[in-house]
Amino acid sequence: MAATPTSVTHLIEELSQLPGIGRKTAARLTFFLLRNHLDLAERLSEALRQLKENTRFCSVCYNITEADPCPICLDAGRDRGTICVVEEPLDVLAIEQADVYKGVYHVLHGVLSPSEGMFAENLRIGELLNRVREGNVREVILATNPTSEGDWTASYLLTQLKPLSVHVTRLGRGLPIGGDLEYADVVTLTRALEGREAI
């Protein structure tokens, strides 16, 4: 049996590192790219290059952006007295698509998970505390996912925020336990935001 070319094997290995992509799916994607006659591989390569060159983290909220600060932080119509704390940039996208929240955000870039090497110093927790200390923040909404790690992170944040005399709320439990914000529908997110509760 003929050996698979090294470049094909290499791409399969790289694609299989992506979340939700196993080795078989990575192989299918690789062979699709080889067969595609529309120069998809070149466009994909260019899109990845632009992604790495043009995107950065907002210096205020740590969401992904091409301009710093990001458009949400620059929007004078947003309520800067309310900060919604989320795990990942995808969560900002999900809440924005629901079009029910008019405050600003803070992206942690993960959750507390010692088994995966994620500790408080690996997250943007210090930056959040500084924002609350410096600004006229009335409310912090803890919008971490309803998972054990998300709940643990929210509890840790609550202990850090309590001494700062800010009203802390948590999303209502319209979200399923163990679910991710990015997969929630607009109605569920709307109810979760409107049903947030003090903690």
N, C-alpha and C. Protein backbone atom coordinates (compact mmCIF):
# COMPACT_ATOMS: atom_id res chain seq x y z
N MET A 1 0.84 -1.19 0.00
CA MET A 1 0.00 0.00 0.00
C MET A 1 0.88 1.25 0.00
N ALA A 2 0.53 2.21 -0.85
CA ALA A 2 1.33 3.43 -0.97
C ALA A 2 1.22 4.27 0.30
N ALA A 3 2.33 4.85 0.66
CA ALA A 3 2.36 5.71 1.85
C ALA A 3 1.65 7.03 1.54
N THR A 4 0.97 7.58 2.54
CA THR A 4 0.33 8.89 2.39
C THR A 4 1.41 9.96 2.34
N PRO A 5 1.31 10.91 1.39
CA PRO A 5 2.31 11.98 1.32
C PRO A 5 2.41 12.73 2.65
N THR A 6 3.62 13.13 2.97
CA THR A 6 3.89 13.80 4.24
C THR A 6 3.04 15.06 4.41
N SER A 7 2.86 15.84 3.34
CA SER A 7 2.08 17.09 3.45
C SER A 7 0.62 16.80 3.77
N VAL A 8 0.09 15.69 3.25
CA VAL A 8 -1.30 15.32 3.55
C VAL A 8 -1.41 14.90 5.01
N THR A 9 -0.49 14.06 5.45
CA THR A 9 -0.49 13.61 6.84
C THR A 9 -0.36 14.80 7.80
N HIS A 10 0.51 15.73 7.44
CA HIS A 10 0.73 16.91 8.29
C HIS A 10 -0.54 17.73 8.44
N LEU A 11 -1.26 17.97 7.33
CA LEU A 11 -2.50 18.74 7.42
C LEU A 11 -3.55 18.01 8.23
N ILE A 12 -3.65 16.70 8.06
CA ILE A 12 -4.61 15.91 8.85
C ILE A 12 -4.29 16.06 10.34
N GLU A 13 -3.02 15.97 10.69
CA GLU A 13 -2.63 16.11 12.10
C GLU A 13 -2.96 17.49 12.64
N GLU A 14 -2.71 18.53 11.84
CA GLU A 14 -2.99 19.90 12.29
C GLU A 14 -4.49 20.14 12.44
N LEU A 15 -5.29 19.70 11.46
CA LEU A 15 -6.74 19.90 11.53
C LEU A 15 -7.35 19.13 12.70
N SER A 16 -6.80 17.98 13.02
CA SER A 16 -7.36 17.18 14.12
C SER A 16 -7.10 17.81 15.49
N GLN A 17 -6.26 18.86 15.54
CA GLN A 17 -6.04 19.59 16.79
C GLN A 17 -7.17 20.57 17.09
N LEU A 18 -8.01 20.86 16.09
CA LEU A 18 -9.11 21.81 16.29
C LEU A 18 -10.21 21.17 17.12
N PRO A 19 -10.90 21.96 17.96
CA PRO A 19 -11.97 21.39 18.79
C PRO A 19 -13.10 20.83 17.93
N GLY A 20 -13.55 19.64 18.27
CA GLY A 20 -14.66 19.01 17.56
C GLY A 20 -14.26 18.33 16.26
N ILE A 21 -12.97 18.34 15.93
CA ILE A 21 -12.49 17.71 14.69
C ILE A 21 -11.65 16.50 15.07
N GLY A 22 -12.17 15.30 14.79
CA GLY A 22 -11.40 14.08 15.01
C GLY A 22 -10.54 13.78 13.80
N ARG A 23 -9.80 12.70 13.89
CA ARG A 23 -8.88 12.33 12.80
C ARG A 23 -9.63 12.03 11.50
N LYS A 24 -10.77 11.36 11.58
CA LYS A 24 -11.51 11.03 10.35
C LYS A 24 -12.05 12.29 9.68
N THR A 25 -12.60 13.19 10.46
CA THR A 25 -13.11 14.45 9.89
C THR A 25 -11.96 15.25 9.31
N ALA A 26 -10.82 15.27 10.00
CA ALA A 26 -9.65 15.99 9.50
C ALA A 26 -9.20 15.41 8.16
N ALA A 27 -9.24 14.09 8.03
CA ALA A 27 -8.86 13.45 6.76
C ALA A 27 -9.85 13.82 5.66
N ARG A 28 -11.16 13.82 5.98
CA ARG A 28 -12.16 14.20 4.97
C ARG A 28 -11.95 15.64 4.52
N LEU A 29 -11.69 16.54 5.46
CA LEU A 29 -11.46 17.94 5.11
C LEU A 29 -10.20 18.09 4.24
N THR A 30 -9.16 17.37 4.59
CA THR A 30 -7.91 17.44 3.83
C THR A 30 -8.13 16.99 2.38
N PHE A 31 -8.82 15.86 2.19
CA PHE A 31 -9.04 15.37 0.83
C PHE A 31 -10.04 16.23 0.07
N PHE A 32 -10.97 16.86 0.79
CA PHE A 32 -11.88 17.82 0.14
C PHE A 32 -11.08 19.00 -0.40
N LEU A 33 -10.15 19.51 0.41
CA LEU A 33 -9.32 20.64 -0.03
C LEU A 33 -8.45 20.25 -1.23
N LEU A 34 -7.98 19.01 -1.25
CA LEU A 34 -7.18 18.54 -2.39
C LEU A 34 -8.00 18.49 -3.68
N ARG A 35 -9.28 18.09 -3.58
CA ARG A 35 -10.14 17.93 -4.76
C ARG A 35 -10.77 19.23 -5.21
N ASN A 36 -10.88 20.21 -4.33
CA ASN A 36 -11.63 21.42 -4.64
C ASN A 36 -10.98 22.21 -5.77
N HIS A 37 -11.78 22.59 -6.76
CA HIS A 37 -11.26 23.30 -7.93
C HIS A 37 -11.46 24.81 -7.84
N LEU A 38 -11.92 25.32 -6.72
CA LEU A 38 -12.22 26.75 -6.59
C LEU A 38 -11.16 27.48 -5.76
N ASP A 39 -10.02 26.89 -5.66
CA ASP A 39 -8.92 27.50 -4.90
C ASP A 39 -9.30 27.78 -3.44
N LEU A 40 -10.14 26.91 -2.91
CA LEU A 40 -10.56 27.08 -1.52
C LEU A 40 -9.37 27.02 -0.57
N ALA A 41 -8.43 26.14 -0.83
CA ALA A 41 -7.28 26.02 0.06
C ALA A 41 -6.51 27.34 0.14
N GLU A 42 -6.34 28.01 -1.00
CA GLU A 42 -5.63 29.30 -1.01
C GLU A 42 -6.42 30.37 -0.28
N ARG A 43 -7.74 30.39 -0.48
CA ARG A 43 -8.57 31.38 0.22
C ARG A 43 -8.57 31.12 1.72
N LEU A 44 -8.61 29.85 2.09
CA LEU A 44 -8.58 29.49 3.50
C LEU A 44 -7.25 29.91 4.12
N SER A 45 -6.17 29.67 3.41
CA SER A 45 -4.85 30.07 3.88
C SER A 45 -4.77 31.58 4.07
N GLU A 46 -5.31 32.34 3.12
CA GLU A 46 -5.30 33.80 3.20
C GLU A 46 -6.17 34.28 4.37
N ALA A 47 -7.33 33.64 4.57
CA ALA A 47 -8.22 34.02 5.68
C ALA A 47 -7.54 33.77 7.02
N LEU A 48 -6.82 32.66 7.14
CA LEU A 48 -6.09 32.37 8.38
C LEU A 48 -4.97 33.38 8.61
N ARG A 49 -4.27 33.75 7.55
CA ARG A 49 -3.20 34.74 7.65
C ARG A 49 -3.76 36.08 8.13
N GLN A 50 -4.89 36.51 7.53
CA GLN A 50 -5.51 37.78 7.92
C GLN A 50 -6.01 37.72 9.36
N LEU A 51 -6.54 36.58 9.75
CA LEU A 51 -7.02 36.41 11.12
C LEU A 51 -5.89 36.66 12.11
N LYS A 52 -4.73 36.07 11.87
CA LYS A 52 -3.59 36.23 12.78
C LYS A 52 -3.01 37.64 12.73
N GLU A 53 -2.99 38.25 11.54
CA GLU A 53 -2.38 39.57 11.40
C GLU A 53 -3.28 40.71 11.88
N ASN A 54 -4.59 40.57 11.69
CA ASN A 54 -5.49 41.71 11.89
C ASN A 54 -6.25 41.71 13.20
N THR A 55 -6.36 40.56 13.88
CA THR A 55 -7.15 40.54 15.10
C THR A 55 -6.26 40.64 16.33
N ARG A 56 -6.83 41.22 17.36
CA ARG A 56 -6.15 41.37 18.65
C ARG A 56 -7.21 41.37 19.73
N PHE A 57 -6.81 41.50 20.97
CA PHE A 57 -7.75 41.61 22.07
C PHE A 57 -7.96 43.06 22.41
N CYS A 58 -9.20 43.44 22.65
CA CYS A 58 -9.52 44.80 23.09
C CYS A 58 -8.82 45.03 24.43
N SER A 59 -8.19 46.18 24.58
CA SER A 59 -7.45 46.48 25.81
C SER A 59 -8.39 46.82 26.98
N VAL A 60 -9.68 46.95 26.70
CA VAL A 60 -10.65 47.25 27.76
C VAL A 60 -11.37 45.98 28.19
N CYS A 61 -12.02 45.29 27.23
CA CYS A 61 -12.87 44.15 27.59
C CYS A 61 -12.28 42.79 27.22
N TYR A 62 -11.22 42.77 26.41
CA TYR A 62 -10.53 41.56 25.98
C TYR A 62 -11.34 40.71 25.01
N ASN A 63 -12.33 41.32 24.36
CA ASN A 63 -13.00 40.66 23.25
C ASN A 63 -12.07 40.72 22.04
N ILE A 64 -12.32 39.90 21.03
CA ILE A 64 -11.51 39.99 19.82
C ILE A 64 -11.96 41.20 19.00
N THR A 65 -11.00 41.83 18.34
CA THR A 65 -11.29 43.04 17.59
C THR A 65 -10.20 43.29 16.57
N GLU A 66 -10.50 44.12 15.60
CA GLU A 66 -9.47 44.58 14.67
C GLU A 66 -9.02 45.99 15.04
N ALA A 67 -9.84 46.71 15.80
CA ALA A 67 -9.50 48.06 16.26
C ALA A 67 -9.53 48.05 17.78
N ASP A 68 -8.63 48.80 18.38
CA ASP A 68 -8.57 48.83 19.84
C ASP A 68 -8.77 50.26 20.33
N PRO A 69 -9.77 50.50 21.18
CA PRO A 69 -10.74 49.58 21.76
C PRO A 69 -11.73 49.07 20.71
N CYS A 70 -12.45 48.02 21.10
CA CYS A 70 -13.40 47.39 20.18
C CYS A 70 -14.63 48.28 19.98
N PRO A 71 -15.42 48.01 18.93
CA PRO A 71 -16.60 48.84 18.66
C PRO A 71 -17.61 48.89 19.82
N ILE A 72 -17.74 47.81 20.58
CA ILE A 72 -18.69 47.82 21.71
C ILE A 72 -18.21 48.77 22.79
N CYS A 73 -16.92 48.71 23.11
CA CYS A 73 -16.37 49.61 24.14
C CYS A 73 -16.39 51.07 23.69
N LEU A 74 -16.31 51.31 22.39
CA LEU A 74 -16.34 52.68 21.86
C LEU A 74 -17.76 53.24 21.74
N ASP A 75 -18.76 52.38 21.75
CA ASP A 75 -20.14 52.79 21.53
C ASP A 75 -20.65 53.63 22.71
N ALA A 76 -20.87 54.92 22.47
CA ALA A 76 -21.32 55.83 23.53
C ALA A 76 -22.72 55.49 24.02
N GLY A 77 -23.48 54.73 23.25
CA GLY A 77 -24.83 54.36 23.63
C GLY A 77 -24.90 53.18 24.58
N ARG A 78 -23.77 52.52 24.85
CA ARG A 78 -23.77 51.37 25.75
C ARG A 78 -23.73 51.84 27.20
N ASP A 79 -24.35 51.06 28.08
CA ASP A 79 -24.38 51.35 29.51
C ASP A 79 -23.09 50.84 30.14
N ARG A 80 -22.17 51.75 30.45
CA ARG A 80 -20.89 51.36 31.02
C ARG A 80 -20.99 51.01 32.50
N GLY A 81 -22.15 51.20 33.08
CA GLY A 81 -22.36 50.86 34.48
C GLY A 81 -22.68 49.39 34.69
N THR A 82 -22.87 48.66 33.60
CA THR A 82 -23.17 47.24 33.67
C THR A 82 -22.14 46.47 32.85
N ILE A 83 -21.45 45.54 33.49
CA ILE A 83 -20.47 44.69 32.82
C ILE A 83 -20.95 43.25 32.84
N CYS A 84 -21.06 42.65 31.68
CA CYS A 84 -21.43 41.24 31.56
C CYS A 84 -20.14 40.44 31.37
N VAL A 85 -19.85 39.56 32.31
CA VAL A 85 -18.62 38.76 32.29
C VAL A 85 -18.91 37.42 31.62
N VAL A 86 -18.18 37.13 30.55
CA VAL A 86 -18.37 35.88 29.81
C VAL A 86 -17.05 35.12 29.73
N GLU A 87 -17.15 33.85 29.37
CA GLU A 87 -15.95 33.01 29.28
C GLU A 87 -15.15 33.28 28.02
N GLU A 88 -15.82 33.37 26.87
CA GLU A 88 -15.14 33.43 25.58
C GLU A 88 -15.77 34.47 24.66
N PRO A 89 -15.04 34.93 23.64
CA PRO A 89 -15.61 35.87 22.66
C PRO A 89 -16.87 35.35 21.98
N LEU A 90 -16.99 34.04 21.79
CA LEU A 90 -18.21 33.48 21.19
C LEU A 90 -19.44 33.78 22.02
N ASP A 91 -19.26 33.92 23.33
CA ASP A 91 -20.39 34.24 24.21
C ASP A 91 -20.88 35.66 23.98
N VAL A 92 -19.95 36.58 23.72
CA VAL A 92 -20.33 37.96 23.38
C VAL A 92 -21.18 37.95 22.12
N LEU A 93 -20.74 37.20 21.13
CA LEU A 93 -21.46 37.10 19.87
C LEU A 93 -22.88 36.58 20.09
N ALA A 94 -23.02 35.55 20.91
CA ALA A 94 -24.34 34.97 21.18
C ALA A 94 -25.26 35.98 21.85
N ILE A 95 -24.75 36.71 22.85
CA ILE A 95 -25.59 37.69 23.56
C ILE A 95 -25.93 38.86 22.65
N GLU A 96 -24.97 39.30 21.86
CA GLU A 96 -25.24 40.41 20.93
C GLU A 96 -26.31 40.03 19.90
N GLN A 97 -26.30 38.79 19.44
CA GLN A 97 -27.30 38.35 18.47
C GLN A 97 -28.70 38.33 19.08
N ALA A 98 -28.78 38.12 20.40
CA ALA A 98 -30.08 38.16 21.07
C ALA A 98 -30.64 39.58 21.13
N ASP A 99 -29.75 40.59 21.05
CA ASP A 99 -30.14 42.01 21.00
C ASP A 99 -31.00 42.45 22.19
N VAL A 100 -30.64 41.97 23.39
CA VAL A 100 -31.39 42.35 24.59
C VAL A 100 -30.52 43.02 25.64
N TYR A 101 -29.22 43.02 25.43
CA TYR A 101 -28.29 43.56 26.42
C TYR A 101 -27.61 44.78 25.85
N LYS A 102 -27.60 45.87 26.63
CA LYS A 102 -27.04 47.14 26.14
C LYS A 102 -25.87 47.64 26.98
N GLY A 103 -25.32 46.78 27.82
CA GLY A 103 -24.16 47.16 28.61
C GLY A 103 -22.87 46.81 27.88
N VAL A 104 -21.77 46.70 28.63
CA VAL A 104 -20.48 46.33 28.07
C VAL A 104 -20.09 44.94 28.58
N TYR A 105 -18.97 44.43 28.10
CA TYR A 105 -18.56 43.06 28.40
C TYR A 105 -17.18 43.02 29.04
N HIS A 106 -16.88 41.83 29.58
CA HIS A 106 -15.52 41.50 29.98
C HIS A 106 -15.34 40.01 29.69
N VAL A 107 -14.35 39.69 28.86
CA VAL A 107 -14.10 38.31 28.43
C VAL A 107 -12.96 37.72 29.25
N LEU A 108 -13.23 36.63 29.94
CA LEU A 108 -12.23 35.99 30.80
C LEU A 108 -11.21 35.16 30.02
N HIS A 109 -11.61 34.63 28.90
CA HIS A 109 -10.80 33.70 28.09
C HIS A 109 -10.56 32.39 28.82
N GLY A 110 -11.66 31.82 29.32
CA GLY A 110 -11.61 30.51 29.96
C GLY A 110 -12.34 30.51 31.28
N VAL A 111 -12.21 29.41 31.98
CA VAL A 111 -12.80 29.23 33.30
C VAL A 111 -11.76 28.58 34.20
N LEU A 112 -12.00 28.66 35.49
CA LEU A 112 -11.11 27.99 36.44
C LEU A 112 -11.21 26.48 36.24
N SER A 113 -10.10 25.86 35.97
CA SER A 113 -10.06 24.41 35.76
C SER A 113 -8.64 23.93 36.02
N PRO A 114 -8.30 23.72 37.31
CA PRO A 114 -6.92 23.32 37.65
C PRO A 114 -6.46 22.07 36.90
N SER A 115 -7.38 21.14 36.61
CA SER A 115 -6.98 19.91 35.92
C SER A 115 -6.48 20.20 34.51
N GLU A 116 -6.91 21.35 33.94
CA GLU A 116 -6.46 21.74 32.61
C GLU A 116 -5.45 22.89 32.67
N GLY A 117 -4.95 23.16 33.87
CA GLY A 117 -3.94 24.20 34.03
C GLY A 117 -4.49 25.62 33.97
N MET A 118 -5.79 25.79 34.21
CA MET A 118 -6.40 27.13 34.18
C MET A 118 -6.66 27.59 35.61
N PHE A 119 -5.85 28.56 36.03
CA PHE A 119 -5.98 29.13 37.37
C PHE A 119 -6.37 30.60 37.24
N ALA A 120 -6.66 31.25 38.36
CA ALA A 120 -7.11 32.65 38.33
C ALA A 120 -6.14 33.54 37.57
N GLU A 121 -4.85 33.29 37.72
CA GLU A 121 -3.86 34.14 37.04
C GLU A 121 -3.83 33.94 35.53
N ASN A 122 -4.45 32.86 35.03
CA ASN A 122 -4.52 32.61 33.59
C ASN A 122 -5.70 33.32 32.94
N LEU A 123 -6.62 33.80 33.75
CA LEU A 123 -7.83 34.46 33.25
C LEU A 123 -7.70 35.97 33.42
N ARG A 124 -8.62 36.71 32.83
CA ARG A 124 -8.59 38.18 32.89
C ARG A 124 -9.37 38.70 34.11
N ILE A 125 -9.16 38.04 35.24
CA ILE A 125 -9.88 38.40 36.47
C ILE A 125 -9.32 39.69 37.07
N GLY A 126 -8.01 39.83 37.14
CA GLY A 126 -7.40 41.05 37.68
C GLY A 126 -7.84 42.28 36.91
N GLU A 127 -7.93 42.14 35.58
CA GLU A 127 -8.36 43.26 34.74
C GLU A 127 -9.81 43.63 35.02
N LEU A 128 -10.66 42.62 35.27
CA LEU A 128 -12.06 42.88 35.62
C LEU A 128 -12.14 43.66 36.94
N LEU A 129 -11.40 43.21 37.93
CA LEU A 129 -11.42 43.89 39.24
C LEU A 129 -10.95 45.33 39.12
N ASN A 130 -9.93 45.55 38.28
CA ASN A 130 -9.46 46.93 38.06
C ASN A 130 -10.54 47.78 37.41
N ARG A 131 -11.28 47.22 36.44
CA ARG A 131 -12.36 47.98 35.79
C ARG A 131 -13.43 48.38 36.80
N VAL A 132 -13.76 47.46 37.70
CA VAL A 132 -14.78 47.76 38.70
C VAL A 132 -14.28 48.82 39.67
N ARG A 133 -13.01 48.74 40.06
CA ARG A 133 -12.44 49.72 40.98
C ARG A 133 -12.37 51.11 40.35
N GLU A 134 -12.03 51.17 39.07
CA GLU A 134 -11.79 52.45 38.40
C GLU A 134 -13.06 53.14 37.92
N GLY A 135 -14.07 52.37 37.53
CA GLY A 135 -15.23 52.96 36.87
C GLY A 135 -16.42 53.12 37.78
N ASN A 136 -17.50 53.64 37.19
CA ASN A 136 -18.77 53.78 37.90
C ASN A 136 -19.65 52.57 37.61
N VAL A 137 -19.16 51.40 37.99
CA VAL A 137 -19.86 50.15 37.69
C VAL A 137 -20.90 49.89 38.78
N ARG A 138 -22.15 49.76 38.36
CA ARG A 138 -23.25 49.48 39.28
C ARG A 138 -23.51 47.99 39.42
N GLU A 139 -23.36 47.25 38.29
CA GLU A 139 -23.71 45.84 38.29
C GLU A 139 -22.72 45.04 37.46
N VAL A 140 -22.36 43.87 37.97
CA VAL A 140 -21.57 42.89 37.22
C VAL A 140 -22.44 41.65 37.05
N ILE A 141 -22.70 41.28 35.80
CA ILE A 141 -23.48 40.08 35.49
C ILE A 141 -22.51 38.95 35.23
N LEU A 142 -22.57 37.91 36.03
CA LEU A 142 -21.72 36.74 35.81
C LEU A 142 -22.42 35.81 34.84
N ALA A 143 -21.96 35.80 33.60
CA ALA A 143 -22.60 35.02 32.53
C ALA A 143 -21.72 33.86 32.11
N THR A 144 -21.08 33.22 33.09
CA THR A 144 -20.32 32.02 32.78
C THR A 144 -21.30 30.90 32.48
N ASN A 145 -20.84 29.91 31.74
CA ASN A 145 -21.72 28.81 31.35
C ASN A 145 -22.18 28.01 32.58
N PRO A 146 -23.39 27.44 32.52
CA PRO A 146 -23.90 26.66 33.65
C PRO A 146 -23.30 25.26 33.70
N THR A 147 -21.99 25.21 33.87
CA THR A 147 -21.24 23.96 34.04
C THR A 147 -20.58 24.01 35.41
N SER A 148 -19.98 22.91 35.84
CA SER A 148 -19.32 22.94 37.15
C SER A 148 -18.17 23.94 37.16
N GLU A 149 -17.40 24.02 36.05
CA GLU A 149 -16.30 24.99 35.97
C GLU A 149 -16.83 26.42 35.91
N GLY A 150 -17.93 26.62 35.15
CA GLY A 150 -18.53 27.95 35.06
C GLY A 150 -19.07 28.42 36.40
N ASP A 151 -19.71 27.50 37.13
CA ASP A 151 -20.25 27.83 38.45
C ASP A 151 -19.12 28.11 39.44
N TRP A 152 -18.05 27.33 39.37
CA TRP A 152 -16.91 27.53 40.26
C TRP A 152 -16.27 28.89 39.98
N THR A 153 -16.14 29.22 38.70
CA THR A 153 -15.56 30.52 38.33
C THR A 153 -16.44 31.66 38.82
N ALA A 154 -17.76 31.52 38.66
CA ALA A 154 -18.69 32.55 39.13
C ALA A 154 -18.58 32.73 40.64
N SER A 155 -18.48 31.63 41.38
CA SER A 155 -18.35 31.71 42.84
C SER A 155 -17.06 32.41 43.23
N TYR A 156 -15.98 32.10 42.52
CA TYR A 156 -14.70 32.75 42.80
C TYR A 156 -14.79 34.24 42.51
N LEU A 157 -15.39 34.60 41.39
CA LEU A 157 -15.55 36.02 41.05
C LEU A 157 -16.38 36.75 42.09
N LEU A 158 -17.42 36.10 42.58
CA LEU A 158 -18.27 36.71 43.61
C LEU A 158 -17.45 37.06 44.85
N THR A 159 -16.58 36.15 45.27
CA THR A 159 -15.75 36.44 46.46
C THR A 159 -14.80 37.60 46.21
N GLN A 160 -14.33 37.73 44.98
CA GLN A 160 -13.42 38.83 44.64
C GLN A 160 -14.15 40.17 44.49
N LEU A 161 -15.40 40.12 44.04
CA LEU A 161 -16.15 41.35 43.77
C LEU A 161 -16.87 41.89 45.00
N LYS A 162 -17.21 41.02 45.95
CA LYS A 162 -17.98 41.46 47.13
C LYS A 162 -17.36 42.65 47.86
N PRO A 163 -16.05 42.65 48.11
CA PRO A 163 -15.46 43.78 48.82
C PRO A 163 -15.51 45.10 48.05
N LEU A 164 -15.84 45.05 46.75
CA LEU A 164 -15.84 46.25 45.93
C LEU A 164 -17.20 46.95 45.90
N SER A 165 -18.14 46.45 46.69
CA SER A 165 -19.47 47.07 46.83
C SER A 165 -20.17 47.29 45.49
N VAL A 166 -20.18 46.26 44.66
CA VAL A 166 -20.88 46.32 43.38
C VAL A 166 -21.97 45.24 43.41
N HIS A 167 -23.10 45.54 42.79
CA HIS A 167 -24.20 44.59 42.71
C HIS A 167 -23.81 43.48 41.74
N VAL A 168 -23.82 42.23 42.21
CA VAL A 168 -23.42 41.09 41.37
C VAL A 168 -24.63 40.21 41.13
N THR A 169 -24.88 39.90 39.84
CA THR A 169 -25.99 39.03 39.48
C THR A 169 -25.46 37.88 38.64
N ARG A 170 -26.29 36.86 38.49
CA ARG A 170 -25.97 35.68 37.69
C ARG A 170 -27.10 35.48 36.72
N LEU A 171 -26.80 35.00 35.53
CA LEU A 171 -27.86 34.74 34.56
C LEU A 171 -28.90 33.81 35.16
N GLY A 172 -30.16 34.05 34.81
CA GLY A 172 -31.23 33.16 35.25
C GLY A 172 -31.00 31.77 34.69
N ARG A 173 -31.63 30.79 35.29
CA ARG A 173 -31.38 29.41 34.88
C ARG A 173 -32.29 28.95 33.75
N GLY A 174 -32.57 29.86 32.82
CA GLY A 174 -33.24 29.45 31.60
C GLY A 174 -32.28 28.66 30.74
N LEU A 175 -31.00 28.72 31.07
CA LEU A 175 -30.00 27.98 30.33
C LEU A 175 -29.89 26.57 30.90
N PRO A 176 -29.73 25.58 30.03
CA PRO A 176 -29.63 24.21 30.54
C PRO A 176 -28.31 23.99 31.27
N ILE A 177 -28.36 23.21 32.34
CA ILE A 177 -27.16 22.87 33.09
C ILE A 177 -26.22 22.10 32.16
N GLY A 178 -24.97 22.51 32.14
CA GLY A 178 -23.98 21.84 31.31
C GLY A 178 -23.93 22.38 29.89
N GLY A 179 -24.76 23.40 29.58
CA GLY A 179 -24.78 23.95 28.22
C GLY A 179 -23.81 25.10 28.06
N ASP A 180 -23.62 25.51 26.82
CA ASP A 180 -22.75 26.64 26.49
C ASP A 180 -23.59 27.78 25.92
N LEU A 181 -23.26 29.02 26.28
CA LEU A 181 -23.99 30.18 25.80
C LEU A 181 -24.05 30.24 24.28
N GLU A 182 -22.95 29.87 23.63
CA GLU A 182 -22.89 30.01 22.17
C GLU A 182 -23.94 29.17 21.46
N TYR A 183 -24.48 28.13 22.12
CA TYR A 183 -25.48 27.26 21.50
C TYR A 183 -26.90 27.60 21.92
N ALA A 184 -27.05 28.57 22.81
CA ALA A 184 -28.38 28.93 23.30
C ALA A 184 -29.12 29.75 22.25
N ASP A 185 -30.44 29.54 22.16
CA ASP A 185 -31.24 30.31 21.21
C ASP A 185 -31.55 31.69 21.80
N VAL A 186 -32.06 32.58 20.96
CA VAL A 186 -32.31 33.98 21.35
C VAL A 186 -33.30 34.06 22.50
N VAL A 187 -34.37 33.29 22.46
CA VAL A 187 -35.39 33.34 23.51
C VAL A 187 -34.80 32.91 24.85
N THR A 188 -34.01 31.83 24.84
CA THR A 188 -33.40 31.35 26.08
C THR A 188 -32.45 32.38 26.66
N LEU A 189 -31.62 32.98 25.79
CA LEU A 189 -30.69 34.01 26.26
C LEU A 189 -31.42 35.23 26.80
N THR A 190 -32.49 35.62 26.12
CA THR A 190 -33.28 36.77 26.58
C THR A 190 -33.84 36.51 27.97
N ARG A 191 -34.42 35.33 28.16
CA ARG A 191 -34.99 34.98 29.48
C ARG A 191 -33.91 34.90 30.54
N ALA A 192 -32.74 34.38 30.17
CA ALA A 192 -31.65 34.27 31.14
C ALA A 192 -31.17 35.65 31.58
N LEU A 193 -31.05 36.57 30.62
CA LEU A 193 -30.62 37.93 30.96
C LEU A 193 -31.67 38.66 31.78
N GLU A 194 -32.92 38.55 31.36
CA GLU A 194 -34.00 39.24 32.09
C GLU A 194 -34.24 38.62 33.46
N GLY A 195 -33.96 37.32 33.60
CA GLY A 195 -34.20 36.62 34.87
C GLY A 195 -32.98 36.52 35.75
N ARG A 196 -31.96 37.34 35.48
CA ARG A 196 -30.75 37.25 36.29
C ARG A 196 -31.09 37.56 37.74
N GLU A 197 -30.30 36.98 38.62
CA GLU A 197 -30.61 37.09 40.04
C GLU A 197 -29.38 37.49 40.84
N ALA A 198 -29.61 38.16 41.94
CA ALA A 198 -28.52 38.58 42.81
C ALA A 198 -27.89 37.34 43.44
N ILE A 199 -26.57 37.38 43.63
CA ILE A 199 -25.91 36.25 44.28
C ILE A 199 -24.98 36.77 45.38
